[in-house]
Amino acid sequence: MARYLHRSNCGHRGQGLRASSAAAPGQLLYSASPYTYIPSKKARGSVCEHCLSRKESLLRCSQCKMARYCNATCQKLAWPDHKRECKCLRAIYPNIPTDMTRLVARIIFKLLTGSSCTSEELYTVSDLQSNIKEMSDEMKGSLGQLIVMLQFYIKEEIHNTSQLPPGLNLLHLFGQVTCNCFTISDGEMQELGVGLYPSVSLLNHSCDPNCVIVFEGKHLRLHAVRQIEVDEEVICYKLTVSYIDVMATSQDRRRQLTKQYCFACDCKRCEMADKDSDLLAGDEHAWKEVEESIPKVEELRSAGNWEEIVDMCQAALGKNRDVLPDTNLYLLKILDAAMDACIHLARWEEALSYGVRTLQPYQLYYAGAHPVRGVQLMRVGKLQHHQGRLGEALDTLKQAFDILKVTHGREHSLTGNLQQILAECKAELSSRT
């Protein structure tokens, strides 16, 4: 699919990608399989290591006891990538390597085979920038610790550095992966894994991008979300995506981008501090107190302590009812957490009440065709449908479809599922009249 794209020099931004022809919103510009990938810690044990499908019952690798698969077919297809790491996982069991350690090990094993990948058609693994010179000493120190962990992990297969690919610098490789790996998510933007897609790493960042990346299983799909003209000249016109969640203040976005990607964002949103006043609206003392509670809520989320989350969120929402608007970043995170927890507890009416409150802030922060807003609309619409609020559900689901047909494409499984729910909702409404 490289025919739609070409590499281009973008000045101080370095290499980038440009469109080879005009593209309309929703057009699929590029799709790619990963050079290599792994399920992330958050999803481990609940997704197939080959296709990344979520399954309640998975077959476990009898040797390493860690890898899990849908069936014997997926296990067989995964074996070329799993064969060498299987020995390493077995040797350190029950210890588990970090996601980054395991991913880098897989890259090394693949480099040793000398095999290429279609995702390298525009940019290869060796081309990837590491930004080591620009990294802070703290970041380099963290990567140094990962190198020690890697050497311990792969010692069953690689006994000393002489067995590494010729000229390979482990610090450089960790830097490349840190700056260029992608979080693989399902259609609803829930994390599944981490992967390397070298050609797509050419995409530059913007907090107001003209493209988005979504995944179907492990396969990456790049869609235009705005009309793209090949003769447009805006900062050396290029295709852009957002490397980070844009629902953050300009200061926090810049801090995150500098730390991980070693550049200061100069997009219009950051230059204008766009939406910062909305994100931090309300009494400062109150929102700082809510901000301090977020790590605890996330910890409880990871542990699945849904009842405790609901209690914490209800207390925070009640206390700040008159001092913080729903647009406040930290209160909005509390609303999100409360909605998720109530869904897990099948407390549908409460989940809906929290979800509805997030829609206006999401429209403010995820303007235009943004997958996060599209998914949120779909979730709220499904809750409205479940509660029999068919008119409201139909309107919300239509809004979701207008976004997802652009961000995910009509052929994506999530969009197909949404169309089915829309059809059911219309049929139920018709039967009432």
Protein backbone atom coordinates (compact mmCIF):
# COMPACT_ATOMS: atom_id res chain seq x y z
CA MET A 1 0.00 0.00 0.00
CA ALA A 2 3.03 2.27 -0.17
CA ARG A 3 1.68 3.63 -3.47
CA TYR A 4 -0.42 6.12 -1.49
CA LEU A 5 2.60 7.43 0.46
CA HIS A 6 6.17 8.51 -0.07
CA ARG A 7 9.06 9.50 2.15
CA SER A 8 9.92 13.16 2.35
CA ASN A 9 12.37 15.39 4.19
CA CYS A 10 10.50 17.68 6.58
CA GLY A 11 13.25 20.03 7.71
CA HIS A 12 13.87 20.09 11.45
CA ARG A 13 11.37 17.24 11.81
CA GLY A 14 13.60 14.97 9.75
CA GLN A 15 12.04 12.30 7.55
CA GLY A 16 8.28 12.14 7.21
CA LEU A 17 5.47 10.76 5.07
CA ARG A 18 3.49 12.61 2.44
CA ALA A 19 0.45 11.55 0.46
CA SER A 20 1.09 10.63 -3.19
CA SER A 21 -2.45 11.64 -4.13
CA ALA A 22 -5.41 13.50 -2.64
CA ALA A 23 -7.32 11.62 0.04
CA ALA A 24 -10.79 12.06 1.50
CA PRO A 25 -11.69 11.64 5.18
CA GLY A 26 -11.98 7.93 5.96
CA GLN A 27 -9.69 6.79 3.17
CA LEU A 28 -7.34 3.94 4.07
CA LEU A 29 -3.86 5.23 3.29
CA TYR A 30 -1.75 2.36 4.55
CA SER A 31 -2.02 -0.99 6.28
CA ALA A 32 0.76 -3.12 7.70
CA SER A 33 1.54 -6.23 9.66
CA PRO A 34 4.05 -5.78 12.49
CA TYR A 35 7.76 -6.47 12.09
CA THR A 36 7.32 -8.11 15.47
CA TYR A 37 4.97 -7.70 18.43
CA ILE A 38 3.97 -9.09 21.83
CA PRO A 39 0.82 -9.01 23.97
CA SER A 40 1.23 -6.35 26.65
CA LYS A 41 1.29 -7.01 30.37
CA LYS A 42 -2.26 -5.63 30.70
CA ALA A 43 -3.63 -8.13 28.17
CA ARG A 44 -1.39 -11.12 28.88
CA GLY A 45 -3.35 -14.31 29.47
CA SER A 46 -6.57 -12.92 27.99
CA VAL A 47 -5.50 -12.56 24.34
CA CYS A 48 -4.03 -14.97 21.80
CA GLU A 49 -0.29 -14.41 21.36
CA HIS A 50 -0.65 -14.84 17.58
CA CYS A 51 -3.80 -13.02 16.48
CA LEU A 52 -4.39 -10.91 19.64
CA SER A 53 -8.05 -11.97 19.80
CA ARG A 54 -9.65 -11.86 23.24
CA LYS A 55 -10.82 -15.29 24.39
CA GLU A 56 -12.11 -16.60 27.70
CA SER A 57 -10.36 -19.94 27.20
CA LEU A 58 -6.90 -20.10 25.66
CA LEU A 59 -4.45 -22.96 25.14
CA ARG A 60 -1.22 -22.55 27.12
CA CYS A 61 2.22 -23.36 25.70
CA SER A 62 3.21 -26.57 27.49
CA GLN A 63 6.88 -25.57 27.58
CA CYS A 64 7.12 -21.94 28.74
CA LYS A 65 3.73 -21.94 30.55
CA MET A 66 3.23 -18.31 29.57
CA ALA A 67 2.25 -17.99 25.90
CA ARG A 68 -1.42 -18.63 25.15
CA TYR A 69 -3.24 -19.29 21.88
CA CYS A 70 -6.74 -19.56 20.45
CA ASN A 71 -6.08 -23.02 19.07
CA ALA A 72 -3.42 -25.29 17.59
CA THR A 73 -3.46 -23.32 14.32
CA CYS A 74 -2.54 -20.04 16.01
CA GLN A 75 0.12 -21.83 18.04
CA LYS A 76 1.67 -23.30 14.91
CA LEU A 77 1.64 -19.95 13.09
CA ALA A 78 3.25 -18.26 16.11
CA TRP A 79 6.02 -20.83 16.51
CA PRO A 80 8.64 -19.16 14.22
CA ASP A 81 8.53 -16.05 16.47
CA HIS A 82 8.05 -17.96 19.71
CA LYS A 83 10.57 -20.78 19.23
CA ARG A 84 13.67 -19.05 20.61
CA GLU A 85 11.91 -16.94 23.23
CA CYS A 86 10.14 -20.05 24.51
CA LYS A 87 13.45 -21.39 25.87
CA CYS A 88 14.19 -18.03 27.48
CA LEU A 89 10.76 -17.78 29.11
CA ARG A 90 11.04 -21.34 30.37
CA ALA A 91 14.47 -20.68 31.88
CA ILE A 92 13.31 -17.69 33.96
CA TYR A 93 9.84 -19.03 34.88
CA PRO A 94 7.97 -17.95 37.01
CA ASN A 95 9.65 -14.58 36.45
CA ILE A 96 8.29 -12.58 33.51
CA PRO A 97 10.28 -10.12 31.37
CA THR A 98 9.04 -6.56 30.91
CA ASP A 99 7.16 -5.81 27.70
CA MET A 100 10.09 -3.81 26.35
CA THR A 101 12.60 -6.55 27.20
CA ARG A 102 10.55 -9.22 25.49
CA LEU A 103 9.90 -7.07 22.41
CA VAL A 104 13.60 -6.21 21.98
CA ALA A 105 14.52 -9.88 22.38
CA ARG A 106 12.11 -10.77 19.59
CA ILE A 107 13.68 -8.12 17.36
CA ILE A 108 17.14 -9.55 18.02
CA PHE A 109 15.99 -13.08 17.21
CA LYS A 110 14.40 -11.81 13.99
CA LEU A 111 17.53 -9.87 13.01
CA LEU A 112 19.54 -13.06 13.44
CA THR A 113 17.33 -14.84 10.88
CA GLY A 114 17.96 -12.07 8.35
CA SER A 115 14.28 -12.07 7.33
CA SER A 116 12.62 -8.88 6.14
CA CYS A 117 9.02 -7.78 6.57
CA THR A 118 6.49 -5.95 4.40
CA SER A 119 6.22 -3.28 7.09
CA GLU A 120 9.78 -2.24 6.14
CA GLU A 121 8.88 -1.24 2.57
CA LEU A 122 9.36 2.49 3.27
CA TYR A 123 11.65 2.40 6.29
CA THR A 124 13.62 -0.46 7.83
CA VAL A 125 14.43 -1.34 11.42
CA SER A 126 18.02 -0.22 10.86
CA ASP A 127 16.72 3.20 9.65
CA LEU A 128 14.86 3.90 12.89
CA GLN A 129 16.08 6.85 14.95
CA SER A 130 17.11 6.18 18.55
CA ASN A 131 17.49 9.80 19.80
CA ILE A 132 20.10 8.55 22.28
CA LYS A 133 22.11 11.78 22.07
CA GLU A 134 19.04 13.84 22.96
CA MET A 135 17.88 11.58 25.81
CA SER A 136 18.22 12.61 29.44
CA ASP A 137 20.70 10.82 31.65
CA GLU A 138 17.75 9.46 33.62
CA MET A 139 16.26 7.92 30.47
CA LYS A 140 19.60 6.43 29.44
CA GLY A 141 19.97 4.98 32.94
CA SER A 142 16.55 3.33 32.63
CA LEU A 143 17.52 1.84 29.28
CA GLY A 144 20.77 0.60 30.82
CA GLN A 145 18.77 -1.32 33.41
CA LEU A 146 16.68 -2.85 30.65
CA ILE A 147 19.86 -4.01 28.91
CA VAL A 148 20.90 -5.91 32.05
CA MET A 149 17.45 -7.49 32.22
CA LEU A 150 17.62 -8.41 28.52
CA GLN A 151 21.00 -10.09 28.87
CA PHE A 152 19.68 -12.19 31.76
CA TYR A 153 16.52 -13.06 29.83
CA ILE A 154 18.16 -14.18 26.54
CA LYS A 155 21.17 -15.99 28.00
CA GLU A 156 19.67 -19.41 27.14
CA GLU A 157 19.86 -18.48 23.46
CA ILE A 158 22.60 -15.83 23.34
CA HIS A 159 25.44 -16.59 25.75
CA ASN A 160 27.62 -13.55 24.99
CA THR A 161 27.67 -10.40 22.87
CA SER A 162 29.61 -12.13 20.08
CA GLN A 163 26.40 -13.98 19.21
CA LEU A 164 24.42 -10.78 18.68
CA PRO A 165 23.86 -9.48 15.12
CA PRO A 166 27.08 -7.80 13.86
CA GLY A 167 27.36 -4.15 14.87
CA LEU A 168 24.28 -4.23 17.09
CA ASN A 169 24.36 -1.69 19.93
CA LEU A 170 21.84 -2.63 22.61
CA LEU A 171 21.46 0.91 23.97
CA HIS A 172 20.79 2.16 20.44
CA LEU A 173 18.26 -0.64 19.83
CA PHE A 174 16.37 0.10 23.05
CA GLY A 175 16.31 3.76 22.06
CA GLN A 176 14.92 2.86 18.64
CA VAL A 177 12.16 0.76 20.15
CA THR A 178 11.29 3.32 22.84
CA CYS A 179 10.83 6.05 20.23
CA ASN A 180 9.15 3.96 17.53
CA CYS A 181 7.01 1.19 19.02
CA PHE A 182 3.22 1.35 18.85
CA THR A 183 0.65 0.38 21.46
CA ILE A 184 -1.66 -2.09 19.73
CA SER A 185 -5.29 -1.65 20.80
CA ASP A 186 -8.58 -3.25 19.91
CA GLY A 187 -11.36 -1.41 18.12
CA GLU A 188 -12.54 0.07 21.42
CA MET A 189 -9.05 1.47 22.11
CA GLN A 190 -8.27 -1.04 24.88
CA GLU A 191 -4.61 -2.04 25.00
CA LEU A 192 -3.68 -5.44 23.54
CA GLY A 193 0.02 -5.37 22.84
CA VAL A 194 3.13 -3.56 21.68
CA GLY A 195 4.54 -3.78 18.17
CA LEU A 196 7.05 -2.35 15.73
CA TYR A 197 5.87 -1.09 12.33
CA PRO A 198 8.98 0.56 10.85
CA SER A 199 7.46 2.30 7.81
CA VAL A 200 4.70 3.90 9.91
CA SER A 201 7.36 5.27 12.29
CA LEU A 202 8.01 7.92 9.62
CA LEU A 203 4.74 9.63 10.53
CA ASN A 204 5.30 12.90 12.34
CA HIS A 205 3.35 14.05 15.38
CA SER A 206 0.68 16.71 15.74
CA CYS A 207 -1.76 17.31 18.59
CA ASP A 208 -4.29 18.08 15.81
CA PRO A 209 -3.40 15.34 13.28
CA ASN A 210 -4.82 14.70 9.82
CA CYS A 211 -4.63 10.90 10.20
CA VAL A 212 -5.34 8.29 12.85
CA ILE A 213 -4.06 4.78 13.44
CA VAL A 214 -6.39 1.95 14.44
CA PHE A 215 -5.83 -1.79 14.63
CA GLU A 216 -7.68 -4.89 13.50
CA GLY A 217 -6.03 -7.57 15.57
CA LYS A 218 -2.30 -7.01 15.08
CA HIS A 219 -2.75 -5.29 11.71
CA LEU A 220 -2.25 -1.51 11.66
CA ARG A 221 -4.50 0.71 9.55
CA LEU A 222 -3.80 4.38 8.77
CA HIS A 223 -6.89 6.45 7.87
CA ALA A 224 -7.16 10.08 6.79
CA VAL A 225 -9.52 12.04 9.06
CA ARG A 226 -9.42 15.26 7.07
CA GLN A 227 -9.32 16.08 3.38
CA ILE A 228 -5.71 15.79 2.25
CA GLU A 229 -4.43 17.66 -0.79
CA VAL A 230 -0.98 16.91 -2.17
CA ASP A 231 -0.16 20.57 -2.85
CA GLU A 232 -0.94 21.76 0.69
CA GLU A 233 2.01 23.61 2.24
CA VAL A 234 1.84 23.62 6.04
CA ILE A 235 5.20 23.23 7.83
CA CYS A 236 6.53 21.11 4.99
CA TYR A 237 3.15 19.41 4.43
CA LYS A 238 3.05 15.94 5.84
CA LEU A 239 0.81 13.23 7.18
CA THR A 240 0.54 13.37 10.94
CA VAL A 241 -0.81 11.31 13.82
CA SER A 242 -0.82 12.00 17.54
CA TYR A 243 1.81 10.03 19.46
CA ILE A 244 -0.01 10.63 22.75
CA ASP A 245 -3.47 11.14 24.23
CA VAL A 246 -4.33 14.76 23.41
CA MET A 247 -6.64 15.09 26.42
CA ALA A 248 -3.90 16.74 28.46
CA THR A 249 -2.66 20.28 28.97
CA SER A 250 -0.18 21.65 26.45
CA GLN A 251 2.50 21.64 29.15
CA ASP A 252 1.90 17.96 29.97
CA ARG A 253 1.80 16.99 26.29
CA ARG A 254 5.09 18.73 25.63
CA ARG A 255 6.65 17.18 28.73
CA GLN A 256 5.62 13.68 27.64
CA LEU A 257 6.79 14.18 24.06
CA THR A 258 10.14 15.57 25.20
CA LYS A 259 10.70 12.70 27.62
CA GLN A 260 9.85 9.82 25.27
CA TYR A 261 10.42 11.25 21.80
CA CYS A 262 12.97 13.98 22.47
CA PHE A 263 11.28 16.90 20.73
CA ALA A 264 9.25 19.93 21.77
CA CYS A 265 5.90 20.05 20.01
CA ASP A 266 5.35 23.24 18.00
CA CYS A 267 1.85 22.53 16.70
CA LYS A 268 -0.77 25.29 16.89
CA ARG A 269 -2.59 23.64 19.79
CA CYS A 270 0.55 23.69 21.91
CA GLU A 271 1.62 27.16 20.83
CA MET A 272 -1.82 28.57 21.70
CA ALA A 273 -2.21 26.44 24.87
CA ASP A 274 -5.54 25.47 23.33
CA LYS A 275 -8.13 24.07 25.76
CA ASP A 276 -5.84 24.44 28.80
CA SER A 277 -8.29 26.72 30.59
CA ASP A 278 -11.09 24.19 30.05
CA LEU A 279 -8.94 21.26 31.17
CA LEU A 280 -8.10 23.01 34.44
CA ALA A 281 -11.43 24.75 34.99
CA GLY A 282 -12.83 25.07 38.49
CA ASP A 283 -11.33 25.46 41.94
CA GLU A 284 -7.59 24.70 41.78
CA HIS A 285 -7.38 23.25 45.28
CA ALA A 286 -10.27 20.91 44.47
CA TRP A 287 -8.92 19.62 41.16
CA LYS A 288 -5.44 19.10 42.60
CA GLU A 289 -6.98 16.90 45.27
CA VAL A 290 -8.82 14.91 42.58
CA GLU A 291 -5.60 14.69 40.54
CA GLU A 292 -3.83 13.10 43.51
CA SER A 293 -6.49 10.38 43.67
CA ILE A 294 -6.09 9.29 40.01
CA PRO A 295 -3.08 6.95 40.56
CA LYS A 296 -5.02 5.09 43.26
CA VAL A 297 -8.03 4.73 40.96
CA GLU A 298 -5.77 3.36 38.20
CA GLU A 299 -4.21 0.92 40.66
CA LEU A 300 -7.66 -0.33 41.65
CA ARG A 301 -8.60 -0.57 37.96
CA SER A 302 -5.62 -2.82 37.27
CA ALA A 303 -6.59 -5.03 40.20
CA GLY A 304 -10.26 -5.13 39.16
CA ASN A 305 -11.52 -3.70 42.47
CA TRP A 306 -14.65 -2.24 40.87
CA GLU A 307 -16.72 -1.71 44.02
CA GLU A 308 -13.94 0.29 45.65
CA ILE A 309 -13.54 2.38 42.49
CA VAL A 310 -17.24 3.25 42.49
CA ASP A 311 -17.06 4.27 46.14
CA MET A 312 -14.00 6.48 45.52
CA CYS A 313 -15.48 8.07 42.42
CA GLN A 314 -18.86 8.74 43.98
CA ALA A 315 -17.17 10.44 46.93
CA ALA A 316 -15.04 12.64 44.63
CA LEU A 317 -17.98 13.53 42.37
CA GLY A 318 -20.23 14.33 45.30
CA LYS A 319 -17.65 16.49 47.04
CA ASN A 320 -16.90 18.51 43.89
CA ARG A 321 -20.41 18.80 42.46
CA ASP A 322 -20.48 22.58 42.74
CA VAL A 323 -16.80 23.44 42.37
CA LEU A 324 -15.58 21.46 39.34
CA PRO A 325 -17.23 21.27 35.89
CA ASP A 326 -17.30 18.00 33.95
CA THR A 327 -14.79 19.51 31.51
CA ASN A 328 -12.10 19.50 34.22
CA LEU A 329 -9.51 16.92 33.14
CA TYR A 330 -9.28 15.13 36.46
CA LEU A 331 -13.01 15.08 37.17
CA LEU A 332 -13.53 13.72 33.66
CA LYS A 333 -11.11 10.88 34.42
CA ILE A 334 -13.12 10.10 37.54
CA LEU A 335 -16.34 10.01 35.46
CA ASP A 336 -14.66 7.61 33.02
CA ALA A 337 -13.48 5.34 35.82
CA ALA A 338 -16.93 5.35 37.44
CA MET A 339 -18.58 4.44 34.13
CA ASP A 340 -16.14 1.54 33.53
CA ALA A 341 -16.55 0.20 37.06
CA CYS A 342 -20.35 0.32 36.90
CA ILE A 343 -20.30 -1.53 33.56
CA HIS A 344 -18.17 -4.27 35.14
CA LEU A 345 -20.65 -4.46 38.02
CA ALA A 346 -23.68 -4.49 35.66
CA ARG A 347 -24.97 -1.29 37.26
CA TRP A 348 -26.23 -0.07 33.90
CA GLU A 349 -28.26 2.97 34.91
CA GLU A 350 -25.38 4.40 36.94
CA ALA A 351 -22.92 3.67 34.14
CA LEU A 352 -25.17 5.54 31.72
CA SER A 353 -25.48 8.56 34.01
CA TYR A 354 -21.70 8.88 34.20
CA GLY A 355 -21.20 8.18 30.49
CA VAL A 356 -23.65 10.86 29.36
CA ARG A 357 -21.73 13.43 31.40
CA THR A 358 -18.53 12.66 29.46
CA LEU A 359 -19.97 13.32 25.99
CA GLN A 360 -19.78 17.13 25.94
CA PRO A 361 -16.19 17.21 27.31
CA TYR A 362 -15.16 14.51 24.82
CA GLN A 363 -16.57 16.60 21.98
CA LEU A 364 -14.50 19.54 23.23
CA TYR A 365 -11.20 17.66 23.57
CA TYR A 366 -11.55 15.08 20.79
CA ALA A 367 -12.98 17.36 18.13
CA GLY A 368 -13.71 16.19 14.61
CA ALA A 369 -13.35 12.53 13.70
CA HIS A 370 -11.47 11.07 16.65
CA PRO A 371 -11.61 7.34 17.46
CA VAL A 372 -11.72 7.87 21.24
CA ARG A 373 -14.84 10.03 20.97
CA GLY A 374 -16.43 7.64 18.47
CA VAL A 375 -15.92 4.69 20.81
CA GLN A 376 -17.27 6.65 23.79
CA LEU A 377 -20.41 7.57 21.85
CA MET A 378 -20.86 3.92 20.92
CA ARG A 379 -20.51 2.78 24.53
CA VAL A 380 -23.05 5.34 25.75
CA GLY A 381 -25.40 4.49 22.87
CA LYS A 382 -25.24 0.79 23.77
CA LEU A 383 -26.12 1.63 27.38
CA GLN A 384 -29.06 3.76 26.23
CA HIS A 385 -30.20 0.90 24.00
CA HIS A 386 -29.90 -1.57 26.87
CA GLN A 387 -32.00 0.71 29.10
CA GLY A 388 -34.73 1.01 26.46
CA ARG A 389 -34.06 4.66 25.64
CA LEU A 390 -34.31 3.92 21.95
CA GLY A 391 -34.66 7.46 20.60
CA GLU A 392 -31.63 8.68 22.53
CA ALA A 393 -29.71 5.52 21.62
CA LEU A 394 -30.41 5.94 17.91
CA ASP A 395 -29.16 9.53 17.91
CA THR A 396 -26.01 8.67 19.91
CA LEU A 397 -25.20 5.59 17.81
CA LYS A 398 -25.62 7.58 14.58
CA GLN A 399 -23.08 10.11 15.88
CA ALA A 400 -20.74 7.23 16.71
CA PHE A 401 -21.14 5.75 13.23
CA ASP A 402 -20.39 9.09 11.54
CA ILE A 403 -17.04 9.12 13.35
CA LEU A 404 -16.09 5.42 13.20
CA LYS A 405 -16.73 5.12 9.47
CA VAL A 406 -13.92 7.70 9.11
CA THR A 407 -11.51 6.62 11.84
CA HIS A 408 -11.94 2.84 11.58
CA GLY A 409 -13.43 2.46 8.11
CA ARG A 410 -16.66 0.72 7.17
CA GLU A 411 -14.87 -2.62 6.84
CA HIS A 412 -13.58 -2.67 10.43
CA SER A 413 -15.25 -5.25 12.68
CA LEU A 414 -16.18 -2.59 15.28
CA THR A 415 -17.97 -0.50 12.64
CA GLY A 416 -19.80 -3.61 11.45
CA ASN A 417 -20.87 -4.34 15.01
CA LEU A 418 -22.11 -0.77 15.40
CA GLN A 419 -24.16 -1.02 12.19
CA GLN A 420 -25.81 -4.17 13.53
CA ILE A 421 -26.75 -2.42 16.80
CA LEU A 422 -28.11 0.54 14.83
CA ALA A 423 -30.27 -1.78 12.75
CA GLU A 424 -31.61 -3.48 15.89
CA CYS A 425 -32.38 -0.11 17.47
CA LYS A 426 -34.25 1.09 14.35
CA ALA A 427 -36.24 -2.14 14.18
CA GLU A 428 -37.27 -1.86 17.84
CA LEU A 429 -38.30 1.76 17.37
CA SER A 430 -40.39 0.81 14.33
CA SER A 431 -42.14 -1.95 16.23
CA ARG A 432 -43.21 0.56 18.87
CA THR A 433 -44.95 2.85 16.37
